[in-house]
Amino acid sequence: MHYAVKFSRLAIQDLREICDWYEDKSPGLSDRFLDTLQWTIDQIADNPQRFIEKEGGARMALLHKFPYKVFYMVNESKRSVRVIVLMHRARYPNVWQKRL
């Protein structure tokens, strides 16, 4: 069964910053990033338990072709997922924990 996916306010801010950065690097690159992110979000929505569980009950999915991680929380009773952080794999390893 499909889960509803929502982004936290801070995850939306992360997304805007990432897209701005990619668009500055190369026009259209942010669109490719968004396509990859959407594919990953679809995978999460289809089966959120398939990705690795981290501390505090958060889960993490890696994006293909882009060096980013998606951290999210699952609410089984509401059959929903809340994306809490989009972050570069090489930066700020503990930032997602502060957003729990």
N, C-alpha and C. Protein backbone atom coordinates (compact mmCIF):
# COMPACT_ATOMS: atom_id res chain seq x y z
N MET A 1 0.84 -1.19 0.00
CA MET A 1 0.00 0.00 0.00
C MET A 1 0.88 1.25 0.00
N HIS A 2 0.48 2.23 -0.73
CA HIS A 2 1.23 3.46 -0.93
C HIS A 2 1.10 4.40 0.29
N TYR A 3 2.21 4.98 0.70
CA TYR A 3 2.22 5.94 1.81
C TYR A 3 2.21 7.36 1.26
N ALA A 4 1.55 8.27 1.97
CA ALA A 4 1.60 9.69 1.60
C ALA A 4 2.96 10.24 2.04
N VAL A 5 3.55 11.10 1.23
CA VAL A 5 4.85 11.68 1.54
C VAL A 5 4.72 13.19 1.65
N LYS A 6 5.22 13.73 2.74
CA LYS A 6 5.24 15.18 2.95
C LYS A 6 6.66 15.58 3.33
N PHE A 7 7.01 16.80 2.96
CA PHE A 7 8.32 17.35 3.28
C PHE A 7 8.19 18.35 4.41
N SER A 8 9.11 18.29 5.37
CA SER A 8 9.15 19.31 6.42
C SER A 8 9.55 20.64 5.80
N ARG A 9 9.30 21.70 6.52
CA ARG A 9 9.68 23.04 6.06
C ARG A 9 11.17 23.11 5.78
N LEU A 10 11.98 22.52 6.66
CA LEU A 10 13.43 22.56 6.48
C LEU A 10 13.88 21.68 5.30
N ALA A 11 13.19 20.59 5.07
CA ALA A 11 13.53 19.75 3.90
C ALA A 11 13.21 20.48 2.61
N ILE A 12 12.13 21.26 2.60
CA ILE A 12 11.81 22.07 1.42
C ILE A 12 12.90 23.11 1.19
N GLN A 13 13.38 23.69 2.27
CA GLN A 13 14.48 24.65 2.16
C GLN A 13 15.73 23.96 1.61
N ASP A 14 16.03 22.76 2.11
CA ASP A 14 17.16 21.98 1.57
C ASP A 14 17.00 21.78 0.07
N LEU A 15 15.81 21.39 -0.34
CA LEU A 15 15.53 21.12 -1.75
C LEU A 15 15.76 22.36 -2.61
N ARG A 16 15.28 23.48 -2.15
CA ARG A 16 15.48 24.74 -2.91
C ARG A 16 16.96 25.06 -3.06
N GLU A 17 17.72 24.92 -1.98
CA GLU A 17 19.15 25.22 -2.04
C GLU A 17 19.88 24.26 -2.99
N ILE A 18 19.53 23.00 -2.94
CA ILE A 18 20.16 22.01 -3.82
C ILE A 18 19.84 22.33 -5.29
N CYS A 19 18.57 22.60 -5.57
CA CYS A 19 18.17 22.90 -6.96
C CYS A 19 18.83 24.19 -7.46
N ASP A 20 18.91 25.20 -6.61
CA ASP A 20 19.59 26.45 -7.00
C ASP A 20 21.05 26.17 -7.34
N TRP A 21 21.70 25.37 -6.52
CA TRP A 21 23.11 25.07 -6.73
C TRP A 21 23.30 24.33 -8.06
N TYR A 22 22.49 23.30 -8.31
CA TYR A 22 22.62 22.54 -9.55
C TYR A 22 22.27 23.39 -10.77
N GLU A 23 21.28 24.23 -10.65
CA GLU A 23 20.90 25.07 -11.80
C GLU A 23 22.00 26.07 -12.12
N ASP A 24 22.70 26.59 -11.08
CA ASP A 24 23.84 27.48 -11.31
C ASP A 24 24.98 26.76 -12.00
N LYS A 25 25.16 25.46 -11.67
CA LYS A 25 26.23 24.67 -12.28
C LYS A 25 25.98 24.40 -13.75
N SER A 26 24.73 24.04 -14.06
CA SER A 26 24.39 23.69 -15.43
C SER A 26 22.88 23.76 -15.61
N PRO A 27 22.40 24.62 -16.54
CA PRO A 27 20.96 24.69 -16.76
C PRO A 27 20.36 23.32 -17.07
N GLY A 28 19.28 22.99 -16.39
CA GLY A 28 18.63 21.70 -16.59
C GLY A 28 19.07 20.62 -15.61
N LEU A 29 20.20 20.82 -14.96
CA LEU A 29 20.70 19.81 -14.03
C LEU A 29 19.78 19.65 -12.82
N SER A 30 19.16 20.75 -12.40
CA SER A 30 18.23 20.65 -11.27
C SER A 30 17.02 19.80 -11.65
N ASP A 31 16.60 19.83 -12.91
CA ASP A 31 15.49 18.98 -13.36
C ASP A 31 15.86 17.51 -13.27
N ARG A 32 17.09 17.19 -13.63
CA ARG A 32 17.55 15.79 -13.53
C ARG A 32 17.62 15.36 -12.07
N PHE A 33 18.07 16.29 -11.20
CA PHE A 33 18.08 15.99 -9.77
C PHE A 33 16.66 15.72 -9.27
N LEU A 34 15.72 16.58 -9.67
CA LEU A 34 14.33 16.40 -9.23
C LEU A 34 13.72 15.10 -9.73
N ASP A 35 14.07 14.70 -10.95
CA ASP A 35 13.59 13.41 -11.47
C ASP A 35 14.12 12.26 -10.62
N THR A 36 15.40 12.33 -10.27
CA THR A 36 16.01 11.28 -9.45
C THR A 36 15.41 11.27 -8.05
N LEU A 37 15.21 12.46 -7.50
CA LEU A 37 14.58 12.55 -6.18
C LEU A 37 13.17 11.98 -6.22
N GLN A 38 12.40 12.30 -7.26
CA GLN A 38 11.04 11.79 -7.36
C GLN A 38 11.03 10.26 -7.45
N TRP A 39 11.95 9.69 -8.19
CA TRP A 39 12.05 8.23 -8.27
C TRP A 39 12.29 7.65 -6.88
N THR A 40 13.21 8.26 -6.12
CA THR A 40 13.52 7.80 -4.77
C THR A 40 12.32 7.95 -3.85
N ILE A 41 11.62 9.08 -3.93
CA ILE A 41 10.43 9.31 -3.12
C ILE A 41 9.36 8.27 -3.45
N ASP A 42 9.20 7.95 -4.72
CA ASP A 42 8.24 6.91 -5.12
C ASP A 42 8.60 5.56 -4.50
N GLN A 43 9.89 5.24 -4.47
CA GLN A 43 10.34 4.00 -3.85
C GLN A 43 10.04 4.00 -2.34
N ILE A 44 10.27 5.13 -1.70
CA ILE A 44 9.97 5.26 -0.27
C ILE A 44 8.47 5.10 -0.05
N ALA A 45 7.65 5.76 -0.85
CA ALA A 45 6.19 5.71 -0.68
C ALA A 45 5.66 4.30 -0.88
N ASP A 46 6.27 3.55 -1.78
CA ASP A 46 5.82 2.18 -2.04
C ASP A 46 6.18 1.22 -0.90
N ASN A 47 7.33 1.44 -0.29
CA ASN A 47 7.77 0.55 0.78
C ASN A 47 8.79 1.26 1.67
N PRO A 48 8.33 2.10 2.59
CA PRO A 48 9.27 2.88 3.40
C PRO A 48 10.17 2.04 4.30
N GLN A 49 9.77 0.82 4.60
CA GLN A 49 10.56 -0.03 5.49
C GLN A 49 11.78 -0.64 4.78
N ARG A 50 11.86 -0.52 3.48
CA ARG A 50 12.94 -1.18 2.75
C ARG A 50 14.29 -0.49 2.93
N PHE A 51 14.28 0.76 3.36
CA PHE A 51 15.53 1.51 3.51
C PHE A 51 16.04 1.41 4.95
N ILE A 52 17.32 1.63 5.10
CA ILE A 52 18.00 1.42 6.38
C ILE A 52 17.44 2.31 7.49
N GLU A 53 17.26 1.70 8.66
CA GLU A 53 16.80 2.45 9.82
C GLU A 53 18.01 3.00 10.56
N LYS A 54 17.92 4.25 10.95
CA LYS A 54 18.98 4.92 11.68
C LYS A 54 18.52 5.17 13.12
N GLU A 55 19.30 5.91 13.87
CA GLU A 55 18.94 6.24 15.25
C GLU A 55 17.63 7.02 15.30
N GLY A 56 16.91 6.83 16.38
CA GLY A 56 15.69 7.60 16.59
C GLY A 56 14.53 7.22 15.69
N GLY A 57 14.66 6.11 14.97
CA GLY A 57 13.58 5.65 14.11
C GLY A 57 13.57 6.26 12.72
N ALA A 58 14.50 7.16 12.43
CA ALA A 58 14.58 7.74 11.08
C ALA A 58 15.09 6.68 10.12
N ARG A 59 14.76 6.84 8.87
CA ARG A 59 15.25 5.96 7.81
C ARG A 59 15.98 6.80 6.78
N MET A 60 16.87 6.15 6.02
CA MET A 60 17.69 6.87 5.06
C MET A 60 17.70 6.14 3.71
N ALA A 61 17.49 6.92 2.66
CA ALA A 61 17.61 6.41 1.29
C ALA A 61 18.66 7.23 0.56
N LEU A 62 19.44 6.57 -0.26
CA LEU A 62 20.44 7.26 -1.08
C LEU A 62 19.89 7.53 -2.47
N LEU A 63 20.19 8.70 -3.01
CA LEU A 63 19.79 9.00 -4.38
C LEU A 63 20.80 8.37 -5.34
N HIS A 64 20.31 7.90 -6.47
CA HIS A 64 21.19 7.38 -7.53
C HIS A 64 21.67 8.57 -8.36
N LYS A 65 22.91 8.52 -8.77
CA LYS A 65 23.53 9.50 -9.67
C LYS A 65 23.82 10.85 -9.02
N PHE A 66 23.31 11.10 -7.83
CA PHE A 66 23.57 12.35 -7.12
C PHE A 66 24.00 12.00 -5.70
N PRO A 67 24.96 12.76 -5.14
CA PRO A 67 25.50 12.41 -3.83
C PRO A 67 24.65 12.93 -2.66
N TYR A 68 23.40 12.54 -2.63
CA TYR A 68 22.50 13.02 -1.58
C TYR A 68 21.80 11.88 -0.87
N LYS A 69 21.43 12.17 0.37
CA LYS A 69 20.67 11.24 1.21
C LYS A 69 19.32 11.88 1.52
N VAL A 70 18.31 11.04 1.67
CA VAL A 70 16.99 11.46 2.10
C VAL A 70 16.73 10.79 3.45
N PHE A 71 16.54 11.60 4.47
CA PHE A 71 16.17 11.08 5.79
C PHE A 71 14.69 11.33 5.99
N TYR A 72 14.00 10.32 6.52
CA TYR A 72 12.56 10.45 6.70
C TYR A 72 12.09 9.65 7.90
N MET A 73 10.90 10.00 8.37
CA MET A 73 10.23 9.30 9.46
C MET A 73 8.96 8.67 8.91
N VAL A 74 8.62 7.50 9.41
CA VAL A 74 7.41 6.79 8.99
C VAL A 74 6.38 6.85 10.11
N ASN A 75 5.15 7.18 9.75
CA ASN A 75 4.03 7.13 10.69
C ASN A 75 3.10 6.02 10.19
N GLU A 76 3.21 4.86 10.80
CA GLU A 76 2.44 3.70 10.35
C GLU A 76 0.93 3.92 10.52
N SER A 77 0.53 4.55 11.62
CA SER A 77 -0.90 4.71 11.87
C SER A 77 -1.57 5.61 10.83
N LYS A 78 -0.82 6.57 10.31
CA LYS A 78 -1.37 7.47 9.28
C LYS A 78 -0.95 7.05 7.88
N ARG A 79 -0.14 6.00 7.80
CA ARG A 79 0.41 5.53 6.52
C ARG A 79 1.02 6.70 5.75
N SER A 80 1.91 7.40 6.47
CA SER A 80 2.55 8.57 5.87
C SER A 80 4.04 8.58 6.18
N VAL A 81 4.75 9.35 5.38
CA VAL A 81 6.19 9.53 5.51
C VAL A 81 6.45 11.03 5.54
N ARG A 82 7.33 11.45 6.44
CA ARG A 82 7.72 12.86 6.51
C ARG A 82 9.21 12.95 6.24
N VAL A 83 9.57 13.60 5.12
CA VAL A 83 10.98 13.82 4.78
C VAL A 83 11.48 14.93 5.68
N ILE A 84 12.57 14.66 6.42
CA ILE A 84 13.07 15.66 7.37
C ILE A 84 14.36 16.32 6.91
N VAL A 85 15.15 15.64 6.08
CA VAL A 85 16.43 16.21 5.63
C VAL A 85 16.78 15.68 4.25
N LEU A 86 17.27 16.56 3.41
CA LEU A 86 17.96 16.20 2.17
C LEU A 86 19.38 16.73 2.35
N MET A 87 20.35 15.86 2.34
CA MET A 87 21.71 16.33 2.60
C MET A 87 22.74 15.63 1.74
N HIS A 88 23.81 16.35 1.46
CA HIS A 88 24.93 15.82 0.71
C HIS A 88 25.59 14.72 1.54
N ARG A 89 26.03 13.68 0.89
CA ARG A 89 26.61 12.53 1.59
C ARG A 89 27.88 12.89 2.36
N ALA A 90 28.60 13.91 1.92
CA ALA A 90 29.89 14.24 2.54
C ALA A 90 29.80 15.39 3.55
N ARG A 91 28.61 15.90 3.81
CA ARG A 91 28.49 17.06 4.70
C ARG A 91 27.67 16.76 5.94
N TYR A 92 28.03 17.45 6.99
CA TYR A 92 27.23 17.51 8.21
C TYR A 92 26.58 16.16 8.58
N PRO A 93 27.36 15.19 8.95
CA PRO A 93 26.79 13.86 9.16
C PRO A 93 25.72 13.77 10.24
N ASN A 94 25.65 14.70 11.17
CA ASN A 94 24.67 14.60 12.25
C ASN A 94 23.52 15.59 12.13
N VAL A 95 23.43 16.34 11.05
CA VAL A 95 22.39 17.36 10.93
C VAL A 95 20.99 16.75 10.97
N TRP A 96 20.82 15.58 10.42
CA TRP A 96 19.49 14.97 10.40
C TRP A 96 19.00 14.65 11.80
N GLN A 97 19.92 14.31 12.71
CA GLN A 97 19.52 13.98 14.08
C GLN A 97 18.95 15.19 14.81
N LYS A 98 19.43 16.36 14.48
CA LYS A 98 18.94 17.58 15.12
C LYS A 98 17.52 17.93 14.67
N ARG A 99 17.09 17.36 13.55
CA ARG A 99 15.77 17.66 13.02
C ARG A 99 14.68 16.66 13.44
N LEU A 100 15.06 15.67 14.21
CA LEU A 100 14.07 14.66 14.65
C LEU A 100 13.01 15.27 15.55
